[in-house]
N, C-alpha and C. Protein backbone atom coordinates (compact mmCIF):
# COMPACT_ATOMS: atom_id res chain seq x y z
N MET A 1 0.84 -1.17 -0.08
CA MET A 1 0.00 0.04 0.03
C MET A 1 0.75 1.24 -0.12
N LEU A 2 1.80 1.20 0.74
CA LEU A 2 2.76 2.36 1.08
C LEU A 2 3.56 2.60 -0.39
N LYS A 3 3.98 1.61 -1.12
CA LYS A 3 4.64 1.69 -2.34
C LYS A 3 3.71 2.35 -3.38
N GLN A 4 2.30 1.80 -3.30
CA GLN A 4 1.44 2.27 -4.39
C GLN A 4 1.23 3.76 -4.04
N PHE A 5 1.12 4.19 -2.82
CA PHE A 5 1.06 5.53 -2.66
C PHE A 5 2.19 6.52 -2.94
N TRP A 6 3.32 5.83 -2.95
CA TRP A 6 4.60 6.54 -3.20
C TRP A 6 4.65 6.84 -4.78
N ASN A 7 4.24 5.65 -5.54
CA ASN A 7 4.10 5.72 -6.88
C ASN A 7 3.13 6.80 -7.45
N LEU A 8 2.05 7.09 -6.61
CA LEU A 8 1.17 8.00 -7.09
C LEU A 8 1.81 9.39 -7.01
N LEU A 9 2.53 9.60 -5.75
CA LEU A 9 3.06 10.88 -5.53
C LEU A 9 4.42 11.19 -6.51
N PHE A 10 5.06 9.96 -6.80
CA PHE A 10 6.33 10.23 -7.55
C PHE A 10 6.33 9.06 -8.56
N PRO A 11 5.53 9.29 -9.61
CA PRO A 11 5.45 8.17 -10.75
C PRO A 11 6.90 7.66 -11.29
N GLN A 12 6.91 6.48 -11.63
CA GLN A 12 8.19 5.87 -12.05
C GLN A 12 8.34 6.39 -13.43
N LYS A 13 9.66 6.78 -13.89
CA LYS A 13 9.96 7.25 -15.26
C LYS A 13 10.75 6.24 -15.89
N CYS A 14 10.43 6.01 -17.22
CA CYS A 14 10.79 5.24 -18.16
C CYS A 14 12.31 5.43 -18.27
N ALA A 15 13.31 4.35 -18.20
CA ALA A 15 14.62 4.45 -18.14
C ALA A 15 15.13 4.91 -19.58
N VAL A 16 14.32 4.79 -20.51
CA VAL A 16 14.64 5.16 -21.93
C VAL A 16 14.20 6.44 -22.46
N CYS A 17 13.10 6.76 -22.35
CA CYS A 17 12.48 8.17 -22.86
C CYS A 17 12.22 8.98 -21.78
N GLY A 18 11.98 8.53 -20.45
CA GLY A 18 11.50 9.57 -19.46
C GLY A 18 10.13 9.67 -19.12
N GLY A 19 9.20 8.91 -20.05
CA GLY A 19 7.76 8.82 -19.92
C GLY A 19 7.33 7.95 -18.78
N ALA A 20 6.07 7.82 -18.54
CA ALA A 20 5.50 7.18 -17.24
C ALA A 20 5.85 5.51 -17.67
N ALA A 21 6.37 4.96 -16.65
CA ALA A 21 6.85 3.55 -16.66
C ALA A 21 5.84 2.70 -16.03
N ASP A 22 5.96 1.47 -16.34
CA ASP A 22 5.35 0.46 -15.56
C ASP A 22 6.17 -0.43 -14.77
N ARG A 23 5.91 -1.58 -14.26
CA ARG A 23 6.56 -2.33 -13.31
C ARG A 23 8.06 -2.70 -13.91
N SER A 24 8.17 -2.70 -15.21
CA SER A 24 9.39 -3.10 -15.82
C SER A 24 10.51 -1.98 -15.87
N LEU A 25 9.96 -0.74 -15.38
CA LEU A 25 10.85 0.46 -15.58
C LEU A 25 10.89 1.10 -16.95
N LEU A 26 9.88 0.42 -17.80
CA LEU A 26 9.97 1.18 -19.03
C LEU A 26 8.50 1.30 -19.38
N CYS A 27 8.14 2.38 -20.26
CA CYS A 27 6.91 2.69 -20.81
C CYS A 27 6.37 1.71 -21.74
N GLN A 28 5.22 1.80 -22.20
CA GLN A 28 4.55 0.75 -23.11
C GLN A 28 5.24 0.78 -24.45
N ASN A 29 5.72 1.80 -24.78
CA ASN A 29 6.28 1.92 -26.23
C ASN A 29 7.59 1.45 -26.23
N CYS A 30 8.44 1.69 -25.05
CA CYS A 30 9.85 1.12 -24.99
C CYS A 30 9.96 -0.22 -24.36
N ALA A 31 8.97 -0.73 -24.01
CA ALA A 31 8.92 -2.23 -23.38
C ALA A 31 8.54 -3.17 -24.58
N ARG A 32 9.21 -2.98 -25.81
CA ARG A 32 8.86 -3.80 -26.87
C ARG A 32 10.11 -3.91 -27.72
N LEU A 33 10.77 -5.25 -27.41
CA LEU A 33 11.84 -5.55 -28.33
C LEU A 33 11.24 -6.06 -29.59
N HIS A 34 11.89 -5.93 -30.68
CA HIS A 34 11.30 -6.37 -32.03
C HIS A 34 12.08 -7.69 -32.35
N PRO A 35 11.37 -8.89 -32.48
CA PRO A 35 11.96 -10.03 -32.83
C PRO A 35 12.62 -9.94 -34.21
N TYR A 36 13.81 -10.62 -34.40
CA TYR A 36 14.60 -10.42 -35.59
C TYR A 36 14.84 -11.98 -36.21
N HIS A 37 15.52 -12.67 -35.24
CA HIS A 37 15.63 -14.24 -35.44
C HIS A 37 16.61 -14.29 -36.75
N GLU A 38 17.74 -13.59 -36.66
CA GLU A 38 18.63 -13.55 -37.86
C GLU A 38 19.76 -14.71 -37.55
N HIS A 39 19.93 -15.52 -38.60
CA HIS A 39 20.76 -16.72 -38.48
C HIS A 39 21.52 -17.08 -39.75
N SER A 40 21.70 -16.22 -40.71
CA SER A 40 22.33 -16.45 -41.96
C SER A 40 23.14 -15.64 -42.42
N GLN A 41 23.34 -14.41 -42.11
CA GLN A 41 24.16 -13.46 -42.61
C GLN A 41 25.75 -13.51 -42.42
N LEU A 42 26.08 -14.17 -41.30
CA LEU A 42 27.47 -14.39 -40.86
C LEU A 42 28.16 -15.43 -41.10
N ALA A 43 29.46 -15.54 -41.54
CA ALA A 43 30.06 -16.81 -41.95
C ALA A 43 30.82 -17.11 -40.56
N LEU A 44 30.21 -17.66 -39.72
CA LEU A 44 30.98 -17.92 -38.41
C LEU A 44 31.46 -19.47 -38.39
N GLY A 45 30.84 -20.33 -39.23
CA GLY A 45 31.34 -21.76 -38.94
C GLY A 45 30.61 -22.42 -38.05
N TYR A 46 29.58 -21.57 -37.52
CA TYR A 46 28.74 -22.21 -36.41
C TYR A 46 27.50 -21.68 -36.57
N LYS A 47 26.47 -22.69 -36.04
CA LYS A 47 25.05 -22.22 -36.20
C LYS A 47 24.78 -21.14 -35.09
N TYR A 48 23.98 -20.05 -35.50
CA TYR A 48 23.78 -18.91 -34.56
C TYR A 48 22.54 -18.46 -34.77
N LEU A 49 22.00 -17.56 -33.63
CA LEU A 49 20.77 -17.06 -33.78
C LEU A 49 20.83 -15.63 -33.04
N GLY A 50 20.52 -14.59 -33.69
CA GLY A 50 20.37 -13.18 -33.08
C GLY A 50 18.93 -12.96 -32.84
N LEU A 51 18.39 -12.72 -31.74
CA LEU A 51 16.94 -12.84 -31.28
C LEU A 51 16.32 -11.49 -31.69
N PHE A 52 16.65 -10.48 -31.27
CA PHE A 52 16.10 -9.07 -31.43
C PHE A 52 16.73 -8.02 -32.11
N GLU A 53 16.10 -7.25 -32.71
CA GLU A 53 16.80 -6.03 -33.45
C GLU A 53 17.37 -5.14 -32.58
N TYR A 54 18.57 -4.91 -32.85
CA TYR A 54 19.42 -3.91 -31.86
C TYR A 54 19.12 -2.41 -32.56
N ASP A 55 18.02 -1.85 -32.19
CA ASP A 55 17.47 -0.64 -32.65
C ASP A 55 18.01 0.36 -31.36
N GLU A 56 17.48 1.69 -31.74
CA GLU A 56 17.79 2.70 -30.87
C GLU A 56 17.30 2.33 -29.32
N THR A 57 16.01 1.85 -29.27
CA THR A 57 15.36 1.49 -27.99
C THR A 57 16.36 0.43 -27.32
N ALA A 58 16.52 -0.57 -28.10
CA ALA A 58 17.43 -1.91 -27.52
C ALA A 58 18.68 -1.36 -27.15
N ARG A 59 19.38 -0.20 -27.77
CA ARG A 59 20.63 0.05 -27.35
C ARG A 59 20.50 0.93 -26.30
N LYS A 60 19.54 1.66 -26.10
CA LYS A 60 19.47 2.53 -24.60
C LYS A 60 19.25 1.68 -23.48
N ILE A 61 18.30 0.46 -23.74
CA ILE A 61 18.18 -0.40 -22.63
C ILE A 61 19.47 -1.14 -22.19
N LEU A 62 20.20 -1.64 -23.20
CA LEU A 62 21.30 -2.32 -22.89
C LEU A 62 22.48 -1.35 -22.40
N ALA A 63 22.49 -0.11 -22.75
CA ALA A 63 23.45 0.86 -22.15
C ALA A 63 23.10 1.04 -20.67
N GLN A 64 21.72 1.21 -20.37
CA GLN A 64 21.42 1.50 -19.05
C GLN A 64 21.80 0.26 -18.14
N ILE A 65 21.79 -0.91 -18.64
CA ILE A 65 22.25 -2.08 -17.83
C ILE A 65 23.66 -2.21 -17.68
N LYS A 66 24.30 -2.00 -18.91
CA LYS A 66 25.81 -2.26 -18.79
C LYS A 66 26.63 -1.09 -18.27
N TYR A 67 26.17 0.16 -18.54
CA TYR A 67 27.03 1.26 -18.14
C TYR A 67 26.44 2.06 -17.04
N GLN A 68 25.19 2.09 -16.83
CA GLN A 68 24.56 2.77 -15.65
C GLN A 68 24.14 1.64 -14.53
N LYS A 69 24.56 0.43 -14.77
CA LYS A 69 24.54 -0.79 -13.83
C LYS A 69 22.85 -0.78 -13.32
N ASN A 70 21.99 -0.63 -14.18
CA ASN A 70 20.63 -0.65 -14.01
C ASN A 70 20.13 -2.05 -13.90
N ARG A 71 20.44 -2.85 -12.79
CA ARG A 71 19.94 -4.31 -12.98
C ARG A 71 18.51 -4.53 -12.86
N GLU A 72 17.58 -3.44 -12.55
CA GLU A 72 16.23 -3.44 -12.36
C GLU A 72 15.71 -3.88 -13.86
N LEU A 73 16.42 -3.58 -14.94
CA LEU A 73 15.96 -3.81 -16.31
C LEU A 73 16.32 -5.12 -16.73
N ILE A 74 17.01 -5.98 -15.93
CA ILE A 74 17.40 -7.39 -16.39
C ILE A 74 16.19 -8.41 -16.49
N PRO A 75 15.33 -8.33 -15.52
CA PRO A 75 14.04 -9.22 -15.66
C PRO A 75 13.18 -8.88 -16.93
N PHE A 76 13.45 -7.72 -17.63
CA PHE A 76 12.68 -7.34 -18.80
C PHE A 76 13.28 -8.34 -19.88
N ILE A 77 14.58 -8.24 -20.06
CA ILE A 77 15.31 -9.17 -21.02
C ILE A 77 14.98 -10.54 -20.72
N GLN A 78 15.22 -10.95 -19.47
CA GLN A 78 14.87 -12.45 -19.06
C GLN A 78 13.50 -12.89 -19.71
N LYS A 79 12.54 -11.98 -19.49
CA LYS A 79 11.12 -12.24 -19.79
C LYS A 79 11.10 -12.40 -21.38
N SER A 80 11.73 -11.38 -21.86
CA SER A 80 11.59 -11.40 -23.48
C SER A 80 12.16 -12.74 -23.98
N LEU A 81 13.31 -13.11 -23.44
CA LEU A 81 13.85 -14.26 -23.99
C LEU A 81 13.20 -15.54 -23.86
N LEU A 82 12.47 -15.71 -22.62
CA LEU A 82 11.58 -16.73 -22.43
C LEU A 82 10.40 -16.85 -23.45
N GLN A 83 10.01 -15.64 -23.85
CA GLN A 83 8.69 -15.41 -24.63
C GLN A 83 9.16 -15.85 -26.04
N HIS A 84 10.57 -15.42 -26.51
CA HIS A 84 10.80 -15.42 -27.94
C HIS A 84 11.87 -16.35 -28.37
N ALA A 85 12.70 -16.82 -27.27
CA ALA A 85 13.96 -17.61 -27.79
C ALA A 85 13.55 -19.11 -27.83
N PRO A 86 13.63 -19.75 -28.98
CA PRO A 86 13.28 -21.10 -29.05
C PRO A 86 14.21 -22.09 -28.11
N LYS A 87 13.62 -23.14 -28.01
CA LYS A 87 14.36 -23.98 -27.18
C LYS A 87 15.57 -24.72 -28.02
N ILE A 88 16.71 -24.62 -27.51
CA ILE A 88 18.02 -25.20 -28.17
C ILE A 88 18.47 -26.33 -27.27
N THR A 89 18.60 -27.51 -27.86
CA THR A 89 19.20 -28.57 -26.97
C THR A 89 20.59 -28.44 -26.68
N ALA A 90 20.98 -28.44 -25.38
CA ALA A 90 22.49 -28.34 -24.95
C ALA A 90 22.66 -29.00 -23.68
N ASP A 91 23.93 -29.20 -23.38
CA ASP A 91 24.40 -29.88 -22.24
C ASP A 91 24.79 -28.71 -21.35
N LEU A 92 25.36 -27.64 -21.98
CA LEU A 92 25.85 -26.61 -21.09
C LEU A 92 25.58 -25.33 -21.84
N LEU A 93 25.31 -24.26 -21.14
CA LEU A 93 25.22 -22.95 -21.74
C LEU A 93 26.44 -22.12 -21.03
N ILE A 94 27.22 -21.69 -21.83
CA ILE A 94 28.40 -20.78 -21.48
C ILE A 94 28.09 -19.32 -21.88
N PRO A 95 28.01 -18.49 -21.05
CA PRO A 95 28.01 -17.03 -21.31
C PRO A 95 29.35 -16.45 -21.71
N ALA A 96 29.34 -15.59 -22.64
CA ALA A 96 30.67 -14.94 -22.94
C ALA A 96 31.24 -14.21 -21.75
N PRO A 97 32.33 -14.50 -21.43
CA PRO A 97 33.00 -13.92 -20.18
C PRO A 97 33.38 -12.44 -20.29
N LEU A 98 33.34 -11.77 -19.17
CA LEU A 98 33.93 -10.44 -19.24
C LEU A 98 35.23 -10.53 -18.68
N ASN A 99 36.05 -9.56 -18.85
CA ASN A 99 37.36 -9.54 -18.22
C ASN A 99 37.10 -9.19 -16.74
N PRO A 100 37.95 -9.71 -15.93
CA PRO A 100 37.78 -9.66 -14.49
C PRO A 100 37.69 -8.11 -13.94
N LEU A 101 38.45 -7.44 -14.47
CA LEU A 101 38.46 -5.91 -14.18
C LEU A 101 37.02 -5.14 -14.40
N ARG A 102 36.58 -5.51 -15.71
CA ARG A 102 35.23 -5.03 -15.99
C ARG A 102 34.13 -5.64 -15.32
N ARG A 103 34.23 -6.92 -14.98
CA ARG A 103 33.09 -7.50 -14.18
C ARG A 103 33.13 -6.83 -12.86
N GLN A 104 34.32 -6.72 -12.24
CA GLN A 104 34.30 -6.07 -10.80
C GLN A 104 33.86 -4.64 -10.93
N GLU A 105 34.11 -4.02 -11.87
CA GLU A 105 33.64 -2.63 -12.04
C GLU A 105 32.15 -2.59 -12.15
N ARG A 106 31.60 -3.38 -12.98
CA ARG A 106 30.23 -3.54 -13.26
C ARG A 106 29.38 -4.21 -12.04
N GLY A 107 29.99 -5.11 -11.55
CA GLY A 107 29.44 -6.01 -10.45
C GLY A 107 28.59 -7.27 -11.04
N PHE A 108 28.55 -7.42 -12.26
CA PHE A 108 27.82 -8.58 -12.82
C PHE A 108 28.31 -8.71 -14.29
N ASN A 109 27.93 -9.94 -14.80
CA ASN A 109 28.14 -10.25 -16.18
C ASN A 109 26.64 -10.18 -16.83
N GLN A 110 26.41 -9.24 -17.50
CA GLN A 110 24.89 -9.00 -18.16
C GLN A 110 24.57 -10.25 -18.93
N VAL A 111 25.54 -10.90 -19.58
CA VAL A 111 25.02 -12.13 -20.31
C VAL A 111 24.69 -13.23 -19.57
N GLU A 112 25.47 -13.40 -18.44
CA GLU A 112 25.03 -14.43 -17.51
C GLU A 112 23.61 -14.22 -16.85
N GLU A 113 23.42 -12.94 -16.41
CA GLU A 113 21.95 -12.65 -15.96
C GLU A 113 20.84 -12.82 -16.94
N PHE A 114 21.18 -12.35 -18.17
CA PHE A 114 20.12 -12.33 -19.19
C PHE A 114 19.75 -13.94 -19.49
N PHE A 115 20.52 -14.81 -19.45
CA PHE A 115 20.15 -16.08 -19.75
C PHE A 115 20.08 -17.09 -18.74
N ARG A 116 20.02 -16.57 -17.41
CA ARG A 116 19.77 -17.29 -16.25
C ARG A 116 18.42 -18.06 -16.26
N THR A 117 17.53 -17.32 -16.49
CA THR A 117 15.97 -17.93 -16.45
C THR A 117 15.81 -18.83 -17.77
N TYR A 118 16.41 -18.52 -19.00
CA TYR A 118 16.16 -19.32 -20.04
C TYR A 118 16.79 -20.66 -19.69
N ALA A 119 18.00 -20.61 -19.10
CA ALA A 119 18.85 -21.89 -18.97
C ALA A 119 18.14 -22.83 -17.81
N ALA A 120 17.49 -22.00 -16.78
CA ALA A 120 16.77 -22.74 -15.84
C ALA A 120 15.52 -23.39 -16.36
N TYR A 121 14.81 -22.76 -17.26
CA TYR A 121 13.66 -23.17 -17.72
C TYR A 121 13.76 -24.38 -18.67
N TYR A 122 14.84 -24.41 -19.40
CA TYR A 122 15.14 -25.56 -20.20
C TYR A 122 16.19 -26.50 -19.61
N HIS A 123 16.30 -26.36 -18.42
CA HIS A 123 17.24 -27.18 -17.58
C HIS A 123 18.44 -27.56 -18.21
N ILE A 124 19.16 -26.40 -18.59
CA ILE A 124 20.41 -26.31 -19.12
C ILE A 124 21.37 -25.80 -18.11
N PRO A 125 22.42 -26.50 -17.63
CA PRO A 125 23.56 -26.03 -16.69
C PRO A 125 24.10 -24.68 -17.08
N LEU A 126 23.95 -23.52 -16.55
CA LEU A 126 24.70 -22.35 -16.94
C LEU A 126 26.12 -22.50 -16.34
N ARG A 127 27.17 -22.39 -17.07
CA ARG A 127 28.27 -22.44 -16.47
C ARG A 127 29.35 -21.24 -17.00
N ALA A 128 29.51 -20.54 -15.90
CA ALA A 128 30.29 -19.17 -16.19
C ALA A 128 31.81 -19.57 -15.60
N ASP A 129 31.91 -20.69 -15.26
CA ASP A 129 33.39 -21.08 -14.36
C ASP A 129 34.22 -21.80 -15.35
N ILE A 130 33.86 -22.04 -16.71
CA ILE A 130 34.74 -22.91 -17.58
C ILE A 130 35.77 -22.03 -18.28
N VAL A 131 35.14 -21.08 -18.96
CA VAL A 131 35.88 -20.08 -19.82
C VAL A 131 36.36 -18.85 -19.12
N TYR A 132 37.56 -18.16 -19.33
CA TYR A 132 37.71 -16.91 -18.82
C TYR A 132 38.38 -16.08 -19.92
N ARG A 133 38.21 -14.71 -19.76
CA ARG A 133 38.85 -13.79 -20.59
C ARG A 133 40.24 -13.47 -20.17
N GLY A 134 41.09 -13.70 -20.88
CA GLY A 134 42.42 -13.80 -20.40
C GLY A 134 43.30 -12.39 -20.25
N ARG A 135 42.71 -11.39 -21.09
CA ARG A 135 43.28 -10.00 -20.93
C ARG A 135 42.17 -8.89 -21.20
N HIS A 136 42.48 -7.68 -20.93
CA HIS A 136 41.47 -6.63 -21.06
C HIS A 136 41.43 -6.26 -22.40
N THR A 137 40.46 -5.92 -22.92
CA THR A 137 40.18 -5.51 -24.52
C THR A 137 39.58 -3.96 -24.34
N GLN A 138 39.89 -3.30 -25.57
CA GLN A 138 39.06 -1.99 -25.62
C GLN A 138 37.52 -2.36 -25.85
N LYS A 139 36.61 -1.48 -25.87
CA LYS A 139 35.08 -1.59 -26.03
C LYS A 139 35.07 -1.75 -27.40
N LEU A 140 34.69 -3.12 -27.88
CA LEU A 140 34.62 -3.40 -29.21
C LEU A 140 33.65 -2.79 -30.25
N ALA A 141 32.59 -2.17 -29.57
CA ALA A 141 31.53 -1.52 -30.36
C ALA A 141 32.21 -0.30 -31.10
N ALA A 142 33.36 0.33 -30.62
CA ALA A 142 33.99 1.42 -31.17
C ALA A 142 35.03 1.02 -32.34
N LEU A 143 35.21 -0.15 -32.55
CA LEU A 143 36.30 -0.66 -33.36
C LEU A 143 35.77 -1.24 -34.77
N SER A 144 36.51 -1.01 -35.81
CA SER A 144 36.20 -1.47 -37.10
C SER A 144 36.29 -2.95 -37.07
N PRO A 145 35.71 -3.69 -38.06
CA PRO A 145 35.92 -5.28 -38.13
C PRO A 145 37.39 -5.68 -38.10
N ALA A 146 38.12 -5.03 -38.94
CA ALA A 146 39.74 -5.60 -38.70
C ALA A 146 40.21 -5.23 -37.39
N GLU A 147 40.03 -4.14 -36.70
CA GLU A 147 40.27 -3.80 -35.43
C GLU A 147 39.96 -4.85 -34.37
N ARG A 148 38.66 -5.35 -34.60
CA ARG A 148 38.19 -6.43 -33.72
C ARG A 148 38.78 -7.68 -33.75
N VAL A 149 39.18 -7.93 -35.19
CA VAL A 149 39.80 -9.35 -35.13
C VAL A 149 41.22 -9.30 -34.45
N LYS A 150 41.93 -8.14 -34.58
CA LYS A 150 43.20 -8.05 -33.87
C LYS A 150 43.07 -7.80 -32.42
N GLU A 151 42.02 -7.32 -31.89
CA GLU A 151 41.84 -6.99 -30.54
C GLU A 151 41.35 -8.19 -29.74
N THR A 152 40.68 -9.11 -30.47
CA THR A 152 40.11 -10.35 -29.80
C THR A 152 40.98 -11.65 -30.06
N ALA A 153 42.09 -11.41 -30.66
CA ALA A 153 43.03 -12.66 -30.84
C ALA A 153 43.45 -13.20 -29.46
N ASP A 154 43.30 -14.42 -29.46
CA ASP A 154 43.59 -15.14 -28.18
C ASP A 154 43.30 -14.65 -26.76
N ILE A 155 42.02 -14.11 -26.84
CA ILE A 155 41.66 -13.51 -25.40
C ILE A 155 40.90 -14.52 -24.68
N PHE A 156 40.53 -15.59 -25.21
CA PHE A 156 39.79 -16.65 -24.27
C PHE A 156 40.61 -17.85 -23.89
N GLN A 157 40.47 -18.39 -22.63
CA GLN A 157 41.25 -19.46 -22.25
C GLN A 157 40.13 -20.30 -21.46
N VAL A 158 40.31 -21.52 -21.46
CA VAL A 158 39.53 -22.53 -20.71
C VAL A 158 40.33 -22.88 -19.56
N TRP A 159 39.79 -22.91 -18.35
CA TRP A 159 40.34 -23.32 -17.07
C TRP A 159 40.98 -24.70 -17.16
N GLU A 160 42.24 -25.06 -16.90
CA GLU A 160 42.81 -26.33 -17.09
C GLU A 160 42.03 -27.35 -16.55
N ASN A 161 41.44 -27.28 -15.33
CA ASN A 161 40.64 -28.29 -14.56
C ASN A 161 39.29 -28.41 -15.09
N LYS A 162 38.87 -27.60 -15.99
CA LYS A 162 37.60 -27.75 -16.52
C LYS A 162 37.58 -28.36 -18.14
N THR A 163 38.50 -28.49 -18.56
CA THR A 163 38.69 -28.88 -19.93
C THR A 163 37.78 -30.26 -20.29
N ILE A 164 37.94 -31.19 -19.47
CA ILE A 164 37.43 -32.55 -19.54
C ILE A 164 35.80 -32.34 -19.66
N GLU A 165 35.25 -31.35 -18.81
CA GLU A 165 33.80 -31.04 -18.95
C GLU A 165 33.22 -30.63 -20.43
N LEU A 166 34.13 -30.28 -21.31
CA LEU A 166 33.66 -30.05 -22.60
C LEU A 166 33.59 -31.06 -23.52
N LYS A 167 34.21 -32.16 -23.28
CA LYS A 167 34.40 -33.23 -24.14
C LYS A 167 32.92 -34.06 -24.30
N ASN A 168 32.72 -34.06 -25.64
CA ASN A 168 31.39 -34.70 -26.11
C ASN A 168 30.22 -34.02 -25.69
N LYS A 169 30.09 -32.73 -25.23
CA LYS A 169 29.00 -31.92 -24.64
C LYS A 169 28.48 -31.02 -25.99
N LYS A 170 27.18 -30.90 -25.91
CA LYS A 170 26.71 -29.88 -26.86
C LYS A 170 26.59 -28.44 -26.19
N ILE A 171 27.52 -27.56 -26.68
CA ILE A 171 27.68 -26.34 -26.02
C ILE A 171 26.81 -25.31 -26.72
N LEU A 172 26.07 -24.44 -25.91
CA LEU A 172 25.36 -23.09 -26.22
C LEU A 172 26.08 -22.07 -25.81
N LEU A 173 26.75 -21.33 -26.62
CA LEU A 173 27.46 -20.04 -26.27
C LEU A 173 26.37 -18.76 -26.42
N ALA A 174 26.62 -17.93 -25.39
CA ALA A 174 25.49 -16.97 -25.26
C ALA A 174 26.20 -15.51 -25.28
N ASP A 175 25.67 -14.41 -25.78
CA ASP A 175 26.22 -13.09 -25.69
C ASP A 175 25.09 -12.27 -25.75
N ASP A 176 25.29 -10.93 -25.38
CA ASP A 176 24.22 -9.85 -25.57
C ASP A 176 23.97 -9.38 -26.77
N ILE A 177 25.18 -9.12 -27.65
CA ILE A 177 24.78 -8.59 -29.04
C ILE A 177 25.93 -9.22 -29.86
N ILE A 178 25.73 -9.66 -31.00
CA ILE A 178 26.52 -10.26 -31.97
C ILE A 178 26.55 -9.36 -33.33
N THR A 179 27.57 -8.72 -33.55
CA THR A 179 27.75 -7.77 -34.56
C THR A 179 28.53 -8.36 -35.87
N THR A 180 29.85 -8.44 -35.71
CA THR A 180 30.66 -9.06 -36.69
C THR A 180 30.76 -10.57 -36.48
N GLY A 181 30.53 -10.92 -35.05
CA GLY A 181 30.52 -12.55 -34.92
C GLY A 181 32.03 -12.69 -34.41
N ASN A 182 32.86 -11.97 -34.65
CA ASN A 182 34.29 -12.22 -34.33
C ASN A 182 34.56 -12.71 -32.84
N THR A 183 34.18 -11.98 -31.90
CA THR A 183 34.11 -12.51 -30.35
C THR A 183 33.75 -13.82 -30.06
N LEU A 184 32.52 -14.11 -30.74
CA LEU A 184 31.94 -15.26 -30.37
C LEU A 184 32.62 -16.40 -31.24
N ARG A 185 33.15 -16.15 -32.32
CA ARG A 185 33.90 -17.08 -33.13
C ARG A 185 35.10 -17.58 -32.39
N LYS A 186 35.80 -16.56 -31.89
CA LYS A 186 36.93 -16.83 -31.07
C LYS A 186 36.66 -17.61 -29.85
N LEU A 187 35.57 -17.36 -29.20
CA LEU A 187 35.05 -18.09 -28.18
C LEU A 187 34.73 -19.59 -28.42
N ALA A 188 34.11 -19.84 -29.55
CA ALA A 188 33.84 -21.15 -30.09
C ALA A 188 35.14 -21.79 -30.40
N GLU A 189 36.00 -21.12 -31.20
CA GLU A 189 37.20 -21.79 -31.57
C GLU A 189 38.06 -22.26 -30.42
N THR A 190 38.05 -21.49 -29.40
CA THR A 190 38.78 -21.92 -28.04
C THR A 190 38.03 -23.06 -27.58
N ILE A 191 36.64 -23.32 -27.50
CA ILE A 191 36.16 -24.34 -26.76
C ILE A 191 36.20 -25.66 -27.73
N ALA A 192 36.18 -25.34 -29.16
CA ALA A 192 36.40 -26.44 -29.99
C ALA A 192 37.60 -27.25 -30.03
N GLN A 193 38.51 -26.74 -29.41
CA GLN A 193 39.86 -27.48 -29.03
C GLN A 193 39.64 -28.60 -28.34
N TYR A 194 38.64 -28.73 -27.49
CA TYR A 194 38.38 -29.62 -26.29
C TYR A 194 37.29 -30.68 -26.67
N ALA A 195 37.27 -30.80 -27.98
CA ALA A 195 36.36 -32.07 -28.51
C ALA A 195 34.84 -32.11 -28.10
N PRO A 196 34.21 -30.94 -28.03
CA PRO A 196 32.71 -31.00 -27.76
C PRO A 196 31.89 -31.66 -28.79
N ALA A 197 30.62 -32.09 -28.52
CA ALA A 197 29.84 -32.82 -29.60
C ALA A 197 29.32 -31.82 -30.56
N GLY A 198 29.16 -30.61 -30.17
CA GLY A 198 28.72 -29.46 -30.91
C GLY A 198 28.75 -28.16 -30.31
N ILE A 199 28.79 -27.13 -31.12
CA ILE A 199 28.67 -25.77 -30.58
C ILE A 199 27.61 -24.89 -31.31
N GLU A 200 26.61 -24.32 -30.57
CA GLU A 200 25.77 -23.20 -31.21
C GLU A 200 26.02 -21.97 -30.40
N ILE A 201 25.51 -20.99 -31.07
CA ILE A 201 25.53 -19.60 -30.60
C ILE A 201 24.16 -18.89 -30.47
N ILE A 202 24.00 -18.15 -29.45
CA ILE A 202 22.83 -17.26 -29.33
C ILE A 202 22.88 -15.99 -28.77
N SER A 203 22.42 -14.86 -29.35
CA SER A 203 22.75 -13.69 -28.82
C SER A 203 21.31 -12.86 -28.69
N VAL A 204 21.30 -12.06 -27.65
CA VAL A 204 20.02 -11.28 -27.41
C VAL A 204 19.73 -10.36 -28.50
N PHE A 205 20.64 -9.54 -29.02
CA PHE A 205 20.52 -8.69 -29.96
C PHE A 205 21.39 -8.89 -31.29
N ARG A 206 20.80 -8.30 -32.47
CA ARG A 206 21.49 -8.51 -33.54
C ARG A 206 21.19 -7.25 -34.45
N PRO A 207 22.25 -6.49 -34.84
CA PRO A 207 21.97 -5.24 -35.66
C PRO A 207 21.63 -5.52 -37.05
N VAL A 208 20.56 -4.72 -37.37
CA VAL A 208 19.72 -4.99 -38.69
C VAL A 208 20.74 -4.49 -39.83
N GLY A 209 20.81 -5.12 -41.01
CA GLY A 209 21.58 -4.73 -42.05
C GLY A 209 23.04 -4.95 -41.91
N ARG A 210 23.39 -6.08 -41.32
CA ARG A 210 24.84 -6.51 -41.18
C ARG A 210 25.22 -7.67 -42.05
N ALA A 211 24.54 -7.68 -43.25
CA ALA A 211 24.79 -8.69 -44.09
C ALA A 211 26.10 -8.89 -44.65
N ASN A 212 26.63 -9.96 -44.84
CA ASN A 212 28.01 -10.28 -45.34
C ASN A 212 29.15 -9.79 -44.78
N MET A 213 28.91 -9.54 -43.20
CA MET A 213 30.02 -9.12 -42.45
C MET A 213 30.83 -10.43 -41.94
N LEU A 214 32.10 -10.42 -41.87
CA LEU A 214 32.95 -11.48 -41.51
C LEU A 214 33.24 -11.33 -39.90
């Protein structure tokens, strides 16, 4: 009752546009991710799926979570994934790891949080303890495709005592956004060294109009 009264006096503002928000902290217009389901434009060498359009609204939501540390928006992404992401058969779901310094600064890995409920719903063990990011990288969004290739070379490693857990397993790799696909390709290639049964890739967002990017 007190919370309802407080909300009447001080209405919640949308984290994206500043309008009146609902319980998801987004207004009705901004609380809509546009399904995209793009899975054919990138030559990754692995089956992949980009679920939602990375439009201006999606960009602002993701920025709020990653750079403003607005964890209250995470359930909105989780719910959207459950509504639109298909069931993918896998033995392990591995989120793309953050550099330890960046994770410490942010306080969480947004990819791990986004896919937590999806993994639980489909009974896929979510394992953030198998692969680590060996060195700090620049923010990849600001780099050209060629610069991304150079920046992401040899950045992922598998913990030595975890390599056996990848053998003969179907692995689902997850990330928040797949643009050129280079980061996830590097992650997949690292895991592929340990004889998994198969590797698939899923990301929350995929920019529209990225055809033929390598």
